[in-house]
């Protein structure tokens, strides 16, 4: 199914060498009610389309570090997604950018 079938557009769509698609959403305005409402609607669509295993979320509430961004990209490229959050507060694959 082509991505444009969905009503959501991630910040980044990454196609791995094994053809698996990873969708990266940067949650840059957490704390803003309107933004969070929009995110909840997009998250509902990700769930409906069964894409949560392929969804990576990030935020910069702890700051931004270039090396951390490189590590996230490496995790994505190696199909080895992790999470900085153990309680799944956001999603299974959530990273802070520092």
PDB file of N, CA and C in Angstrom:
ATOM      1  N   UNK A   1       0.839  -1.185   0.000  1.00  0.00           N
ATOM      2  CA  UNK A   1       0.000   0.000   0.000  1.00  0.00           C
ATOM      3  C   UNK A   1       0.882   1.246   0.000  1.00  0.00           C
ATOM      4  N   UNK A   2       0.692   2.169  -0.878  1.00  0.00           N
ATOM      5  CA  UNK A   2       1.525   3.366  -0.895  1.00  0.00           C
ATOM      6  C   UNK A   2       1.246   4.243   0.324  1.00  0.00           C
ATOM      7  N   UNK A   3       2.292   4.941   0.757  1.00  0.00           N
ATOM      8  CA  UNK A   3       2.150   5.788   1.953  1.00  0.00           C
ATOM      9  C   UNK A   3       1.055   6.833   1.783  1.00  0.00           C
ATOM     10  N   UNK A   4       0.892   7.383   0.603  1.00  0.00           N
ATOM     11  CA  UNK A   4      -0.080   8.463   0.427  1.00  0.00           C
ATOM     12  C   UNK A   4      -1.519   7.999   0.625  1.00  0.00           C
ATOM     13  N   UNK A   5      -1.716   6.715   0.830  1.00  0.00           N
ATOM     14  CA  UNK A   5      -3.043   6.200   1.171  1.00  0.00           C
ATOM     15  C   UNK A   5      -3.469   6.699   2.552  1.00  0.00           C
ATOM     16  N   UNK A   6      -2.524   6.919   3.425  1.00  0.00           N
ATOM     17  CA  UNK A   6      -2.807   7.319   4.800  1.00  0.00           C
ATOM     18  C   UNK A   6      -2.993   8.829   4.882  1.00  0.00           C
ATOM     19  N   UNK A   7      -3.684   9.249   5.929  1.00  0.00           N
ATOM     20  CA  UNK A   7      -3.938  10.670   6.133  1.00  0.00           C
ATOM     21  C   UNK A   7      -2.884  11.317   7.015  1.00  0.00           C
ATOM     22  N   UNK A   8      -1.766  10.658   7.225  1.00  0.00           N
ATOM     23  CA  UNK A   8      -0.697  11.209   8.047  1.00  0.00           C
ATOM     24  C   UNK A   8       0.571  11.299   7.220  1.00  0.00           C
ATOM     25  N   UNK A   9       1.384  12.254   7.575  1.00  0.00           N
ATOM     26  CA  UNK A   9       2.662  12.434   6.896  1.00  0.00           C
ATOM     27  C   UNK A   9       3.724  12.582   7.975  1.00  0.00           C
ATOM     28  N   UNK A  10       4.586  11.571   8.125  1.00  0.00           N
ATOM     29  CA  UNK A  10       5.626  11.646   9.157  1.00  0.00           C
ATOM     30  C   UNK A  10       6.669  12.700   8.808  1.00  0.00           C
ATOM     31  N   UNK A  11       7.461  13.058   9.805  1.00  0.00           N
ATOM     32  CA  UNK A  11       8.563  13.984   9.543  1.00  0.00           C
ATOM     33  C   UNK A  11       9.578  13.354   8.600  1.00  0.00           C
ATOM     34  N   UNK A  12       9.835  12.058   8.788  1.00  0.00           N
ATOM     35  CA  UNK A  12      10.766  11.335   7.929  1.00  0.00           C
ATOM     36  C   UNK A  12      10.206   9.947   7.652  1.00  0.00           C
ATOM     37  N   UNK A  13      10.405   9.470   6.433  1.00  0.00           N
ATOM     38  CA  UNK A  13      10.111   8.084   6.074  1.00  0.00           C
ATOM     39  C   UNK A  13      11.422   7.503   5.564  1.00  0.00           C
ATOM     40  N   UNK A  14      11.864   6.432   6.197  1.00  0.00           N
ATOM     41  CA  UNK A  14      13.142   5.817   5.870  1.00  0.00           C
ATOM     42  C   UNK A  14      12.877   4.398   5.382  1.00  0.00           C
ATOM     43  N   UNK A  15      13.359   4.074   4.203  1.00  0.00           N
ATOM     44  CA  UNK A  15      13.223   2.731   3.666  1.00  0.00           C
ATOM     45  C   UNK A  15      14.553   2.008   3.856  1.00  0.00           C
ATOM     46  N   UNK A  16      14.522   0.923   4.624  1.00  0.00           N
ATOM     47  CA  UNK A  16      15.726   0.147   4.881  1.00  0.00           C
ATOM     48  C   UNK A  16      16.054  -0.742   3.690  1.00  0.00           C
ATOM     49  N   UNK A  17      17.241  -1.309   3.687  1.00  0.00           N
ATOM     50  CA  UNK A  17      17.665  -2.157   2.568  1.00  0.00           C
ATOM     51  C   UNK A  17      16.768  -3.376   2.402  1.00  0.00           C
ATOM     52  N   UNK A  18      16.111  -3.810   3.501  1.00  0.00           N
ATOM     53  CA  UNK A  18      15.190  -4.956   3.410  1.00  0.00           C
ATOM     54  C   UNK A  18      13.774  -4.519   3.021  1.00  0.00           C
ATOM     55  N   UNK A  19      13.631  -3.271   2.589  1.00  0.00           N
ATOM     56  CA  UNK A  19      12.374  -2.660   2.123  1.00  0.00           C
ATOM     57  C   UNK A  19      11.411  -2.279   3.254  1.00  0.00           C
ATOM     58  N   UNK A  20      11.793  -2.533   4.498  1.00  0.00           N
ATOM     59  CA  UNK A  20      10.967  -2.130   5.635  1.00  0.00           C
ATOM     60  C   UNK A  20      10.982  -0.611   5.735  1.00  0.00           C
ATOM     61  N   UNK A  21       9.824  -0.021   5.962  1.00  0.00           N
ATOM     62  CA  UNK A  21       9.724   1.429   6.111  1.00  0.00           C
ATOM     63  C   UNK A  21       9.646   1.785   7.593  1.00  0.00           C
ATOM     64  N   UNK A  22      10.434   2.802   7.963  1.00  0.00           N
ATOM     65  CA  UNK A  22      10.426   3.339   9.314  1.00  0.00           C
ATOM     66  C   UNK A  22       9.885   4.757   9.226  1.00  0.00           C
ATOM     67  N   UNK A  23       8.959   5.077  10.088  1.00  0.00           N
ATOM     68  CA  UNK A  23       8.341   6.406  10.129  1.00  0.00           C
ATOM     69  C   UNK A  23       8.826   7.108  11.389  1.00  0.00           C
ATOM     70  N   UNK A  24       9.428   8.273  11.205  1.00  0.00           N
ATOM     71  CA  UNK A  24      10.024   9.025  12.311  1.00  0.00           C
ATOM     72  C   UNK A  24       9.197  10.277  12.526  1.00  0.00           C
ATOM     73  N   UNK A  25       8.633  10.389  13.711  1.00  0.00           N
ATOM     74  CA  UNK A  25       7.869  11.568  14.103  1.00  0.00           C
ATOM     75  C   UNK A  25       8.624  12.287  15.212  1.00  0.00           C
ATOM     76  N   UNK A  26       8.976  13.539  14.970  1.00  0.00           N
ATOM     77  CA  UNK A  26       9.603  14.345  16.013  1.00  0.00           C
ATOM     78  C   UNK A  26       8.504  15.122  16.721  1.00  0.00           C
ATOM     79  N   UNK A  27       8.365  14.869  18.002  1.00  0.00           N
ATOM     80  CA  UNK A  27       7.313  15.507  18.800  1.00  0.00           C
ATOM     81  C   UNK A  27       7.879  16.790  19.401  1.00  0.00           C
ATOM     82  N   UNK A  28       7.972  17.793  18.568  1.00  0.00           N
ATOM     83  CA  UNK A  28       8.658  19.026  18.934  1.00  0.00           C
ATOM     84  C   UNK A  28       7.865  20.027  19.733  1.00  0.00           C
ATOM     85  N   UNK A  29       6.584  19.807  19.901  1.00  0.00           N
ATOM     86  CA  UNK A  29       5.772  20.792  20.624  1.00  0.00           C
ATOM     87  C   UNK A  29       4.953  20.144  21.737  1.00  0.00           C
ATOM     88  N   UNK A  30       5.538  19.122  22.372  1.00  0.00           N
ATOM     89  CA  UNK A  30       4.824  18.511  23.498  1.00  0.00           C
ATOM     90  C   UNK A  30       4.562  19.582  24.550  1.00  0.00           C
ATOM     91  N   UNK A  31       3.398  19.564  25.116  1.00  0.00           N
ATOM     92  CA  UNK A  31       2.992  20.601  26.061  1.00  0.00           C
ATOM     93  C   UNK A  31       2.020  21.600  25.441  1.00  0.00           C
ATOM     94  N   UNK A  32       1.959  21.645  24.128  1.00  0.00           N
ATOM     95  CA  UNK A  32       1.017  22.504  23.403  1.00  0.00           C
ATOM     96  C   UNK A  32      -0.241  21.674  23.137  1.00  0.00           C
ATOM     97  N   UNK A  33      -1.360  22.094  23.693  1.00  0.00           N
ATOM     98  CA  UNK A  33      -2.598  21.303  23.609  1.00  0.00           C
ATOM     99  C   UNK A  33      -3.030  20.993  22.179  1.00  0.00           C
ATOM    100  N   UNK A  34      -2.992  21.980  21.322  1.00  0.00           N
ATOM    101  CA  UNK A  34      -3.404  21.781  19.937  1.00  0.00           C
ATOM    102  C   UNK A  34      -2.492  20.765  19.244  1.00  0.00           C
ATOM    103  N   UNK A  35      -1.192  20.908  19.446  1.00  0.00           N
ATOM    104  CA  UNK A  35      -0.222  19.993  18.861  1.00  0.00           C
ATOM    105  C   UNK A  35      -0.443  18.572  19.388  1.00  0.00           C
ATOM    106  N   UNK A  36      -0.630  18.439  20.689  1.00  0.00           N
ATOM    107  CA  UNK A  36      -0.827  17.114  21.282  1.00  0.00           C
ATOM    108  C   UNK A  36      -2.112  16.463  20.783  1.00  0.00           C
ATOM    109  N   UNK A  37      -3.145  17.259  20.565  1.00  0.00           N
ATOM    110  CA  UNK A  37      -4.402  16.719  20.020  1.00  0.00           C
ATOM    111  C   UNK A  37      -4.157  16.195  18.601  1.00  0.00           C
ATOM    112  N   UNK A  38      -3.435  16.965  17.793  1.00  0.00           N
ATOM    113  CA  UNK A  38      -3.093  16.535  16.439  1.00  0.00           C
ATOM    114  C   UNK A  38      -2.257  15.260  16.484  1.00  0.00           C
ATOM    115  N   UNK A  39      -1.296  15.191  17.409  1.00  0.00           N
ATOM    116  CA  UNK A  39      -0.466  13.998  17.529  1.00  0.00           C
ATOM    117  C   UNK A  39      -1.316  12.781  17.898  1.00  0.00           C
ATOM    118  N   UNK A  40      -2.237  12.941  18.809  1.00  0.00           N
ATOM    119  CA  UNK A  40      -3.110  11.827  19.199  1.00  0.00           C
ATOM    120  C   UNK A  40      -3.917  11.319  18.001  1.00  0.00           C
ATOM    121  N   UNK A  41      -4.373  12.222  17.154  1.00  0.00           N
ATOM    122  CA  UNK A  41      -5.113  11.822  15.952  1.00  0.00           C
ATOM    123  C   UNK A  41      -4.206  11.052  14.992  1.00  0.00           C
ATOM    124  N   UNK A  42      -2.975  11.530  14.806  1.00  0.00           N
ATOM    125  CA  UNK A  42      -2.034  10.820  13.930  1.00  0.00           C
ATOM    126  C   UNK A  42      -1.671   9.466  14.524  1.00  0.00           C
ATOM    127  N   UNK A  43      -1.489   9.416  15.834  1.00  0.00           N
ATOM    128  CA  UNK A  43      -1.156   8.158  16.501  1.00  0.00           C
ATOM    129  C   UNK A  43      -2.276   7.137  16.318  1.00  0.00           C
ATOM    130  N   UNK A  44      -3.509   7.594  16.373  1.00  0.00           N
ATOM    131  CA  UNK A  44      -4.646   6.706  16.136  1.00  0.00           C
ATOM    132  C   UNK A  44      -4.569   6.104  14.735  1.00  0.00           C
ATOM    133  N   UNK A  45      -4.177   6.905  13.748  1.00  0.00           N
ATOM    134  CA  UNK A  45      -4.027   6.393  12.385  1.00  0.00           C
ATOM    135  C   UNK A  45      -2.875   5.393  12.280  1.00  0.00           C
ATOM    136  N   UNK A  46      -1.764   5.677  12.953  1.00  0.00           N
ATOM    137  CA  UNK A  46      -0.659   4.713  12.959  1.00  0.00           C
ATOM    138  C   UNK A  46      -1.124   3.371  13.541  1.00  0.00           C
ATOM    139  N   UNK A  47      -1.892   3.446  14.624  1.00  0.00           N
ATOM    140  CA  UNK A  47      -2.416   2.214  15.238  1.00  0.00           C
ATOM    141  C   UNK A  47      -3.362   1.495  14.285  1.00  0.00           C
ATOM    142  N   UNK A  48      -4.257   2.245  13.676  1.00  0.00           N
ATOM    143  CA  UNK A  48      -5.231   1.659  12.746  1.00  0.00           C
ATOM    144  C   UNK A  48      -4.538   0.947  11.596  1.00  0.00           C
ATOM    145  N   UNK A  49      -3.461   1.519  11.095  1.00  0.00           N
ATOM    146  CA  UNK A  49      -2.728   0.945   9.970  1.00  0.00           C
ATOM    147  C   UNK A  49      -1.683  -0.084  10.413  1.00  0.00           C
ATOM    148  N   UNK A  50      -1.650  -0.356  11.743  1.00  0.00           N
ATOM    149  CA  UNK A  50      -0.719  -1.348  12.306  1.00  0.00           C
ATOM    150  C   UNK A  50       0.742  -1.015  11.972  1.00  0.00           C
ATOM    151  N   UNK A  51       1.115   0.239  12.208  1.00  0.00           N
ATOM    152  CA  UNK A  51       2.456   0.705  11.898  1.00  0.00           C
ATOM    153  C   UNK A  51       3.283   1.039  13.136  1.00  0.00           C
ATOM    154  N   UNK A  52       2.795   0.715  14.319  1.00  0.00           N
ATOM    155  CA  UNK A  52       3.498   1.112  15.542  1.00  0.00           C
ATOM    156  C   UNK A  52       4.895   0.498  15.651  1.00  0.00           C
ATOM    157  N   UNK A  53       5.067  -0.721  15.177  1.00  0.00           N
ATOM    158  CA  UNK A  53       6.395  -1.358  15.231  1.00  0.00           C
ATOM    159  C   UNK A  53       7.402  -0.606  14.355  1.00  0.00           C
ATOM    160  N   UNK A  54       6.904   0.142  13.386  1.00  0.00           N
ATOM    161  CA  UNK A  54       7.768   0.856  12.452  1.00  0.00           C
ATOM    162  C   UNK A  54       7.838   2.352  12.764  1.00  0.00           C
ATOM    163  N   UNK A  55       7.300   2.756  13.894  1.00  0.00           N
ATOM    164  CA  UNK A  55       7.234   4.170  14.245  1.00  0.00           C
ATOM    165  C   UNK A  55       8.255   4.512  15.319  1.00  0.00           C
ATOM    166  N   UNK A  56       9.054   5.536  15.030  1.00  0.00           N
ATOM    167  CA  UNK A  56      10.025   6.071  15.978  1.00  0.00           C
ATOM    168  C   UNK A  56       9.574   7.485  16.322  1.00  0.00           C
ATOM    169  N   UNK A  57       9.574   7.805  17.609  1.00  0.00           N
ATOM    170  CA  UNK A  57       9.274   9.168  18.027  1.00  0.00           C
ATOM    171  C   UNK A  57      10.469   9.727  18.788  1.00  0.00           C
ATOM    172  N   UNK A  58      10.641  11.035  18.675  1.00  0.00           N
ATOM    173  CA  UNK A  58      11.716  11.725  19.394  1.00  0.00           C
ATOM    174  C   UNK A  58      11.175  13.024  19.977  1.00  0.00           C
ATOM    175  N   UNK A  59      11.888  13.521  20.981  1.00  0.00           N
ATOM    176  CA  UNK A  59      11.610  14.869  21.487  1.00  0.00           C
ATOM    177  C   UNK A  59      12.904  15.458  22.026  1.00  0.00           C
ATOM    178  N   UNK A  60      12.943  16.785  22.134  1.00  0.00           N
ATOM    179  CA  UNK A  60      14.162  17.451  22.593  1.00  0.00           C
ATOM    180  C   UNK A  60      13.989  18.111  23.952  1.00  0.00           C
ATOM    181  N   UNK A  61      13.067  17.599  24.762  1.00  0.00           N
ATOM    182  CA  UNK A  61      12.833  18.222  26.065  1.00  0.00           C
ATOM    183  C   UNK A  61      14.045  18.137  26.987  1.00  0.00           C
ATOM    184  N   UNK A  62      14.981  17.251  26.701  1.00  0.00           N
ATOM    185  CA  UNK A  62      16.221  17.154  27.483  1.00  0.00           C
ATOM    186  C   UNK A  62      17.389  17.778  26.737  1.00  0.00           C
ATOM    187  N   UNK A  63      17.112  18.444  25.641  1.00  0.00           N
ATOM    188  CA  UNK A  63      18.155  19.060  24.839  1.00  0.00           C
ATOM    189  C   UNK A  63      18.405  18.276  23.557  1.00  0.00           C
ATOM    190  N   UNK A  64      19.430  18.712  22.814  1.00  0.00           N
ATOM    191  CA  UNK A  64      19.767  18.072  21.542  1.00  0.00           C
ATOM    192  C   UNK A  64      21.270  17.815  21.518  1.00  0.00           C
ATOM    193  N   UNK A  65      21.621  16.621  21.091  1.00  0.00           N
ATOM    194  CA  UNK A  65      23.019  16.236  20.980  1.00  0.00           C
ATOM    195  C   UNK A  65      23.218  15.527  19.642  1.00  0.00           C
ATOM    196  N   UNK A  66      24.143  16.040  18.835  1.00  0.00           N
ATOM    197  CA  UNK A  66      24.393  15.459  17.512  1.00  0.00           C
ATOM    198  C   UNK A  66      24.737  13.974  17.585  1.00  0.00           C
ATOM    199  N   UNK A  67      25.524  13.583  18.566  1.00  0.00           N
ATOM    200  CA  UNK A  67      25.913  12.169  18.686  1.00  0.00           C
ATOM    201  C   UNK A  67      24.703  11.290  18.968  1.00  0.00           C
ATOM    202  N   UNK A  68      23.753  11.796  19.729  1.00  0.00           N
ATOM    203  CA  UNK A  68      22.542  11.024  20.010  1.00  0.00           C
ATOM    204  C   UNK A  68      21.719  10.853  18.733  1.00  0.00           C
ATOM    205  N   UNK A  69      21.619  11.903  17.941  1.00  0.00           N
ATOM    206  CA  UNK A  69      20.894  11.811  16.671  1.00  0.00           C
ATOM    207  C   UNK A  69      21.574  10.787  15.765  1.00  0.00           C
ATOM    208  N   UNK A  70      22.904  10.804  15.726  1.00  0.00           N
ATOM    209  CA  UNK A  70      23.636   9.803  14.935  1.00  0.00           C
ATOM    210  C   UNK A  70      23.322   8.392  15.431  1.00  0.00           C
ATOM    211  N   UNK A  71      23.230   8.195  16.752  1.00  0.00           N
ATOM    212  CA  UNK A  71      22.930   6.876  17.301  1.00  0.00           C
ATOM    213  C   UNK A  71      21.519   6.423  16.906  1.00  0.00           C
ATOM    214  N   UNK A  72      20.577   7.337  16.926  1.00  0.00           N
ATOM    215  CA  UNK A  72      19.205   7.005  16.511  1.00  0.00           C
ATOM    216  C   UNK A  72      19.199   6.575  15.042  1.00  0.00           C
ATOM    217  N   UNK A  73      19.886   7.321  14.222  1.00  0.00           N
ATOM    218  CA  UNK A  73      19.956   6.979  12.796  1.00  0.00           C
ATOM    219  C   UNK A  73      20.608   5.610  12.611  1.00  0.00           C
ATOM    220  N   UNK A  74      21.667   5.335  13.368  1.00  0.00           N
ATOM    221  CA  UNK A  74      22.313   4.023  13.298  1.00  0.00           C
ATOM    222  C   UNK A  74      21.355   2.914  13.740  1.00  0.00           C
ATOM    223  N   UNK A  75      20.613   3.143  14.820  1.00  0.00           N
ATOM    224  CA  UNK A  75      19.621   2.159  15.279  1.00  0.00           C
ATOM    225  C   UNK A  75      18.593   1.880  14.183  1.00  0.00           C
ATOM    226  N   UNK A  76      18.154   2.929  13.513  1.00  0.00           N
ATOM    227  CA  UNK A  76      17.180   2.762  12.424  1.00  0.00           C
ATOM    228  C   UNK A  76      17.818   1.988  11.268  1.00  0.00           C
ATOM    229  N   UNK A  77      19.008   2.414  10.849  1.00  0.00           N
ATOM    230  CA  UNK A  77      19.669   1.791   9.698  1.00  0.00           C
ATOM    231  C   UNK A  77      19.975   0.320   9.930  1.00  0.00           C
ATOM    232  N   UNK A  78      20.274  -0.038  11.168  1.00  0.00           N
ATOM    233  CA  UNK A  78      20.608  -1.435  11.498  1.00  0.00           C
ATOM    234  C   UNK A  78      19.380  -2.239  11.896  1.00  0.00           C
ATOM    235  N   UNK A  79      18.200  -1.631  11.784  1.00  0.00           N
ATOM    236  CA  UNK A  79      16.947  -2.288  12.174  1.00  0.00           C
ATOM    237  C   UNK A  79      17.035  -2.776  13.620  1.00  0.00           C
ATOM    238  N   UNK A  80      17.601  -1.913  14.475  1.00  0.00           N
ATOM    239  CA  UNK A  80      17.773  -2.248  15.887  1.00  0.00           C
ATOM    240  C   UNK A  80      17.176  -1.193  16.788  1.00  0.00           C
ATOM    241  N   UNK A  81      15.913  -0.859  16.561  1.00  0.00           N
ATOM    242  CA  UNK A  81      15.267   0.198  17.331  1.00  0.00           C
ATOM    243  C   UNK A  81      15.182  -0.150  18.812  1.00  0.00           C
ATOM    244  N   UNK A  82      15.375   0.875  19.622  1.00  0.00           N
ATOM    245  CA  UNK A  82      15.310   0.746  21.075  1.00  0.00           C
ATOM    246  C   UNK A  82      14.366   1.832  21.589  1.00  0.00           C
ATOM    247  N   UNK A  83      14.521   2.152  22.873  1.00  0.00           N
ATOM    248  CA  UNK A  83      13.757   3.245  23.448  1.00  0.00           C
ATOM    249  C   UNK A  83      14.510   3.799  24.647  1.00  0.00           C
ATOM    250  N   UNK A  84      14.398   5.106  24.856  1.00  0.00           N
ATOM    251  CA  UNK A  84      14.944   5.740  26.053  1.00  0.00           C
ATOM    252  C   UNK A  84      13.931   5.717  27.190  1.00  0.00           C
ATOM    253  N   UNK A  85      12.728   5.297  26.902  1.00  0.00           N
ATOM    254  CA  UNK A  85      11.644   5.296  27.885  1.00  0.00           C
ATOM    255  C   UNK A  85      11.246   3.847  28.147  1.00  0.00           C
ATOM    256  N   UNK A  86      11.357   3.409  29.387  1.00  0.00           N
ATOM    257  CA  UNK A  86      11.065   2.005  29.699  1.00  0.00           C
ATOM    258  C   UNK A  86       9.594   1.741  29.974  1.00  0.00           C
ATOM    259  N   UNK A  87       8.829   2.775  30.242  1.00  0.00           N
ATOM    260  CA  UNK A  87       7.414   2.565  30.592  1.00  0.00           C
ATOM    261  C   UNK A  87       6.468   2.782  29.416  1.00  0.00           C
ATOM    262  N   UNK A  88       7.013   2.894  28.192  1.00  0.00           N
ATOM    263  CA  UNK A  88       6.195   3.125  26.994  1.00  0.00           C
ATOM    264  C   UNK A  88       5.286   4.347  27.137  1.00  0.00           C
ATOM    265  N   UNK A  89       5.801   5.367  27.829  1.00  0.00           N
ATOM    266  CA  UNK A  89       5.043   6.600  28.011  1.00  0.00           C
ATOM    267  C   UNK A  89       4.559   7.146  26.674  1.00  0.00           C
ATOM    268  N   UNK A  90       5.408   7.059  25.665  1.00  0.00           N
ATOM    269  CA  UNK A  90       5.013   7.516  24.340  1.00  0.00           C
ATOM    270  C   UNK A  90       4.729   6.308  23.462  1.00  0.00           C
ATOM    271  N   UNK A  91       5.772   5.636  23.064  1.00  0.00           N
ATOM    272  CA  UNK A  91       5.644   4.464  22.203  1.00  0.00           C
ATOM    273  C   UNK A  91       6.779   3.518  22.501  1.00  0.00           C
ATOM    274  N   UNK A  92       6.762   2.403  21.825  1.00  0.00           N
ATOM    275  CA  UNK A  92       7.804   1.403  22.018  1.00  0.00           C
ATOM    276  C   UNK A  92       9.181   1.915  21.628  1.00  0.00           C
ATOM    277  N   UNK A  93       9.254   2.776  20.633  1.00  0.00           N
ATOM    278  CA  UNK A  93      10.538   3.282  20.132  1.00  0.00           C
ATOM    279  C   UNK A  93      10.581   4.802  20.270  1.00  0.00           C
ATOM    280  N   UNK A  94      10.792   5.275  21.493  1.00  0.00           N
ATOM    281  CA  UNK A  94      10.862   6.719  21.739  1.00  0.00           C
ATOM    282  C   UNK A  94      12.259   7.069  22.216  1.00  0.00           C
ATOM    283  N   UNK A  95      12.828   8.094  21.623  1.00  0.00           N
ATOM    284  CA  UNK A  95      14.163   8.550  21.979  1.00  0.00           C
ATOM    285  C   UNK A  95      14.123  10.022  22.384  1.00  0.00           C
ATOM    286  N   UNK A  96      14.949  10.372  23.372  1.00  0.00           N
ATOM    287  CA  UNK A  96      15.258  11.780  23.644  1.00  0.00           C
ATOM    288  C   UNK A  96      16.421  12.128  22.740  1.00  0.00           C
ATOM    289  N   UNK A  97      16.531  13.372  22.334  1.00  0.00           N
ATOM    290  CA  UNK A  97      17.602  13.777  21.420  1.00  0.00           C
ATOM    291  C   UNK A  97      18.881  14.176  22.141  1.00  0.00           C
ATOM    292  N   UNK A  98      18.992  13.852  23.403  1.00  0.00           N
ATOM    293  CA  UNK A  98      20.262  14.104  24.118  1.00  0.00           C
ATOM    294  C   UNK A  98      20.561  12.949  25.037  1.00  0.00           C
TER     295      UNK A  98
END
